[in-house]
């Protein structure tokens, strides 16, 4: 996919604050965080959104979740709780047309996250 910012990050053509780089995914800090700890986990393969997934793409979801779980454990937010969020389509809040998983956490007891 040309002009995909996440593809450029995955290929190392664009800078990002990368926190994990695995065979199947790359994770980096969100530049407009919505939580004290906000990481985007993206597959190396370009898939525009959950709505655009084909049957063979189903394992991507599990890979992204596993990657997020490891990052949560390594950062310590697994001890206090975290959220995993996929936004799908413009109406669902998706801005970049490359499937990605938001890993959000780091709230303390004085500022709990909004419930969904």
C-alpha atoms as a PDB file:
ATOM      1  CA  UNK A   1       0.000   0.000   0.000  1.00  0.00           C
ATOM      2  CA  UNK A   2       1.476   3.342  -0.963  1.00  0.00           C
ATOM      3  CA  UNK A   3       1.293   6.332   1.373  1.00  0.00           C
ATOM      4  CA  UNK A   4       0.368   4.249   4.428  1.00  0.00           C
ATOM      5  CA  UNK A   5       2.056   5.819   7.439  1.00  0.00           C
ATOM      6  CA  UNK A   6       1.997   2.531   9.382  1.00  0.00           C
ATOM      7  CA  UNK A   7       3.551   0.613   6.472  1.00  0.00           C
ATOM      8  CA  UNK A   8       6.306   3.255   6.399  1.00  0.00           C
ATOM      9  CA  UNK A   9       6.930   2.767  10.128  1.00  0.00           C
ATOM     10  CA  UNK A  10       6.952  -1.033   9.771  1.00  0.00           C
ATOM     11  CA  UNK A  11       9.514  -0.774   6.936  1.00  0.00           C
ATOM     12  CA  UNK A  12      11.684   1.642   8.923  1.00  0.00           C
ATOM     13  CA  UNK A  13      11.123   4.461   6.431  1.00  0.00           C
ATOM     14  CA  UNK A  14       9.438   6.705   9.003  1.00  0.00           C
ATOM     15  CA  UNK A  15      10.476   7.297  12.585  1.00  0.00           C
ATOM     16  CA  UNK A  16       8.410   6.136  15.522  1.00  0.00           C
ATOM     17  CA  UNK A  17       9.082   5.383  19.172  1.00  0.00           C
ATOM     18  CA  UNK A  18       9.093   1.600  18.709  1.00  0.00           C
ATOM     19  CA  UNK A  19       8.623  -0.483  21.852  1.00  0.00           C
ATOM     20  CA  UNK A  20       8.505  -3.934  20.209  1.00  0.00           C
ATOM     21  CA  UNK A  21       9.383  -5.404  16.850  1.00  0.00           C
ATOM     22  CA  UNK A  22       8.363  -8.997  16.227  1.00  0.00           C
ATOM     23  CA  UNK A  23       8.214 -11.155  13.121  1.00  0.00           C
ATOM     24  CA  UNK A  24       4.482 -10.538  12.725  1.00  0.00           C
ATOM     25  CA  UNK A  25       3.992  -7.078  14.260  1.00  0.00           C
ATOM     26  CA  UNK A  26       5.501  -3.773  15.325  1.00  0.00           C
ATOM     27  CA  UNK A  27       4.398  -1.736  18.349  1.00  0.00           C
ATOM     28  CA  UNK A  28       5.064   1.938  18.950  1.00  0.00           C
ATOM     29  CA  UNK A  29       3.907   4.826  21.129  1.00  0.00           C
ATOM     30  CA  UNK A  30       0.860   6.732  19.913  1.00  0.00           C
ATOM     31  CA  UNK A  31       1.786  10.336  19.076  1.00  0.00           C
ATOM     32  CA  UNK A  32      -1.575  11.537  20.435  1.00  0.00           C
ATOM     33  CA  UNK A  33      -2.016   9.338  23.523  1.00  0.00           C
ATOM     34  CA  UNK A  34      -5.458   8.910  25.032  1.00  0.00           C
ATOM     35  CA  UNK A  35      -4.081   7.280  28.198  1.00  0.00           C
ATOM     36  CA  UNK A  36      -0.907   7.552  30.296  1.00  0.00           C
ATOM     37  CA  UNK A  37       0.306   4.422  28.457  1.00  0.00           C
ATOM     38  CA  UNK A  38      -0.882   4.222  24.823  1.00  0.00           C
ATOM     39  CA  UNK A  39       0.750   1.862  22.340  1.00  0.00           C
ATOM     40  CA  UNK A  40      -0.327   0.969  18.798  1.00  0.00           C
ATOM     41  CA  UNK A  41       0.286  -2.623  17.712  1.00  0.00           C
ATOM     42  CA  UNK A  42       0.241  -3.071  13.924  1.00  0.00           C
ATOM     43  CA  UNK A  43       0.737  -6.118  11.715  1.00  0.00           C
ATOM     44  CA  UNK A  44       3.589  -6.023   9.222  1.00  0.00           C
ATOM     45  CA  UNK A  45       1.077  -7.053   6.554  1.00  0.00           C
ATOM     46  CA  UNK A  46      -1.121  -4.227   5.302  1.00  0.00           C
ATOM     47  CA  UNK A  47      -4.805  -4.849   5.960  1.00  0.00           C
ATOM     48  CA  UNK A  48      -6.917  -1.680   5.895  1.00  0.00           C
ATOM     49  CA  UNK A  49      -9.253  -2.560   8.787  1.00  0.00           C
ATOM     50  CA  UNK A  50     -11.059  -5.380  10.538  1.00  0.00           C
ATOM     51  CA  UNK A  51     -13.856  -4.859   8.001  1.00  0.00           C
ATOM     52  CA  UNK A  52     -11.413  -5.530   5.140  1.00  0.00           C
ATOM     53  CA  UNK A  53      -9.994  -8.766   6.566  1.00  0.00           C
ATOM     54  CA  UNK A  54     -10.088 -11.905   4.451  1.00  0.00           C
ATOM     55  CA  UNK A  55     -10.361 -15.437   5.845  1.00  0.00           C
ATOM     56  CA  UNK A  56      -6.588 -15.906   5.782  1.00  0.00           C
ATOM     57  CA  UNK A  57      -6.061 -12.746   7.836  1.00  0.00           C
ATOM     58  CA  UNK A  58      -7.805 -14.061  10.967  1.00  0.00           C
ATOM     59  CA  UNK A  59      -4.546 -15.090  12.730  1.00  0.00           C
ATOM     60  CA  UNK A  60      -3.423 -11.436  12.644  1.00  0.00           C
ATOM     61  CA  UNK A  61      -5.849 -10.585  15.441  1.00  0.00           C
ATOM     62  CA  UNK A  62      -4.405 -13.225  17.759  1.00  0.00           C
ATOM     63  CA  UNK A  63      -0.857 -12.127  16.929  1.00  0.00           C
ATOM     64  CA  UNK A  64      -1.656  -8.496  17.744  1.00  0.00           C
ATOM     65  CA  UNK A  65      -3.318  -9.461  21.028  1.00  0.00           C
ATOM     66  CA  UNK A  66      -0.380 -11.695  22.022  1.00  0.00           C
ATOM     67  CA  UNK A  67       2.059  -8.885  21.247  1.00  0.00           C
ATOM     68  CA  UNK A  68      -0.023  -6.441  23.329  1.00  0.00           C
ATOM     69  CA  UNK A  69      -0.135  -8.923  26.227  1.00  0.00           C
ATOM     70  CA  UNK A  70       3.665  -9.219  26.270  1.00  0.00           C
ATOM     71  CA  UNK A  71       4.083  -5.431  26.169  1.00  0.00           C
ATOM     72  CA  UNK A  72       1.560  -5.058  29.023  1.00  0.00           C
ATOM     73  CA  UNK A  73       3.515  -7.582  31.101  1.00  0.00           C
ATOM     74  CA  UNK A  74       6.900  -6.026  30.306  1.00  0.00           C
ATOM     75  CA  UNK A  75       5.652  -2.526  31.159  1.00  0.00           C
ATOM     76  CA  UNK A  76       3.853  -3.629  34.333  1.00  0.00           C
ATOM     77  CA  UNK A  77       0.414  -2.337  33.333  1.00  0.00           C
ATOM     78  CA  UNK A  78      -0.895  -5.894  33.517  1.00  0.00           C
ATOM     79  CA  UNK A  79      -0.868  -5.445  37.300  1.00  0.00           C
ATOM     80  CA  UNK A  80      -3.329  -2.531  37.249  1.00  0.00           C
ATOM     81  CA  UNK A  81      -5.377  -3.360  34.150  1.00  0.00           C
ATOM     82  CA  UNK A  82      -5.499  -2.208  30.561  1.00  0.00           C
ATOM     83  CA  UNK A  83      -7.755  -1.928  27.520  1.00  0.00           C
ATOM     84  CA  UNK A  84      -7.369  -3.373  24.026  1.00  0.00           C
ATOM     85  CA  UNK A  85      -9.326  -1.507  21.342  1.00  0.00           C
ATOM     86  CA  UNK A  86      -9.847  -1.891  17.592  1.00  0.00           C
ATOM     87  CA  UNK A  87     -11.502   1.074  15.862  1.00  0.00           C
ATOM     88  CA  UNK A  88     -13.217   0.043  12.623  1.00  0.00           C
ATOM     89  CA  UNK A  89     -14.135   2.559   9.930  1.00  0.00           C
ATOM     90  CA  UNK A  90     -14.412   6.331  10.228  1.00  0.00           C
ATOM     91  CA  UNK A  91     -17.650   6.054  12.201  1.00  0.00           C
ATOM     92  CA  UNK A  92     -15.874   3.779  14.668  1.00  0.00           C
ATOM     93  CA  UNK A  93     -12.996   6.194  15.129  1.00  0.00           C
ATOM     94  CA  UNK A  94     -10.450   4.637  12.747  1.00  0.00           C
ATOM     95  CA  UNK A  95      -8.206   7.341  11.273  1.00  0.00           C
ATOM     96  CA  UNK A  96      -5.367   5.332   9.669  1.00  0.00           C
ATOM     97  CA  UNK A  97      -6.331   2.702   7.080  1.00  0.00           C
ATOM     98  CA  UNK A  98      -4.057  -0.030   8.448  1.00  0.00           C
ATOM     99  CA  UNK A  99      -5.509  -2.352  11.070  1.00  0.00           C
ATOM    100  CA  UNK A 100      -4.080  -1.594  14.507  1.00  0.00           C
ATOM    101  CA  UNK A 101      -4.731  -2.473  18.110  1.00  0.00           C
ATOM    102  CA  UNK A 102      -4.668   0.214  20.794  1.00  0.00           C
ATOM    103  CA  UNK A 103      -3.101  -0.889  24.095  1.00  0.00           C
ATOM    104  CA  UNK A 104      -4.169   1.618  26.756  1.00  0.00           C
ATOM    105  CA  UNK A 105      -3.352   1.647  30.451  1.00  0.00           C
ATOM    106  CA  UNK A 106      -1.347   3.287  33.178  1.00  0.00           C
ATOM    107  CA  UNK A 107      -4.250   4.910  34.984  1.00  0.00           C
ATOM    108  CA  UNK A 108      -3.906   5.327  38.710  1.00  0.00           C
ATOM    109  CA  UNK A 109      -6.731   4.980  41.214  1.00  0.00           C
ATOM    110  CA  UNK A 110      -7.507   8.710  40.999  1.00  0.00           C
ATOM    111  CA  UNK A 111      -8.146   8.776  37.261  1.00  0.00           C
ATOM    112  CA  UNK A 112      -9.897   5.602  36.125  1.00  0.00           C
ATOM    113  CA  UNK A 113     -10.528   5.044  32.424  1.00  0.00           C
ATOM    114  CA  UNK A 114     -13.910   5.670  30.907  1.00  0.00           C
ATOM    115  CA  UNK A 115     -16.046   2.557  30.760  1.00  0.00           C
ATOM    116  CA  UNK A 116     -17.328   1.356  27.419  1.00  0.00           C
END
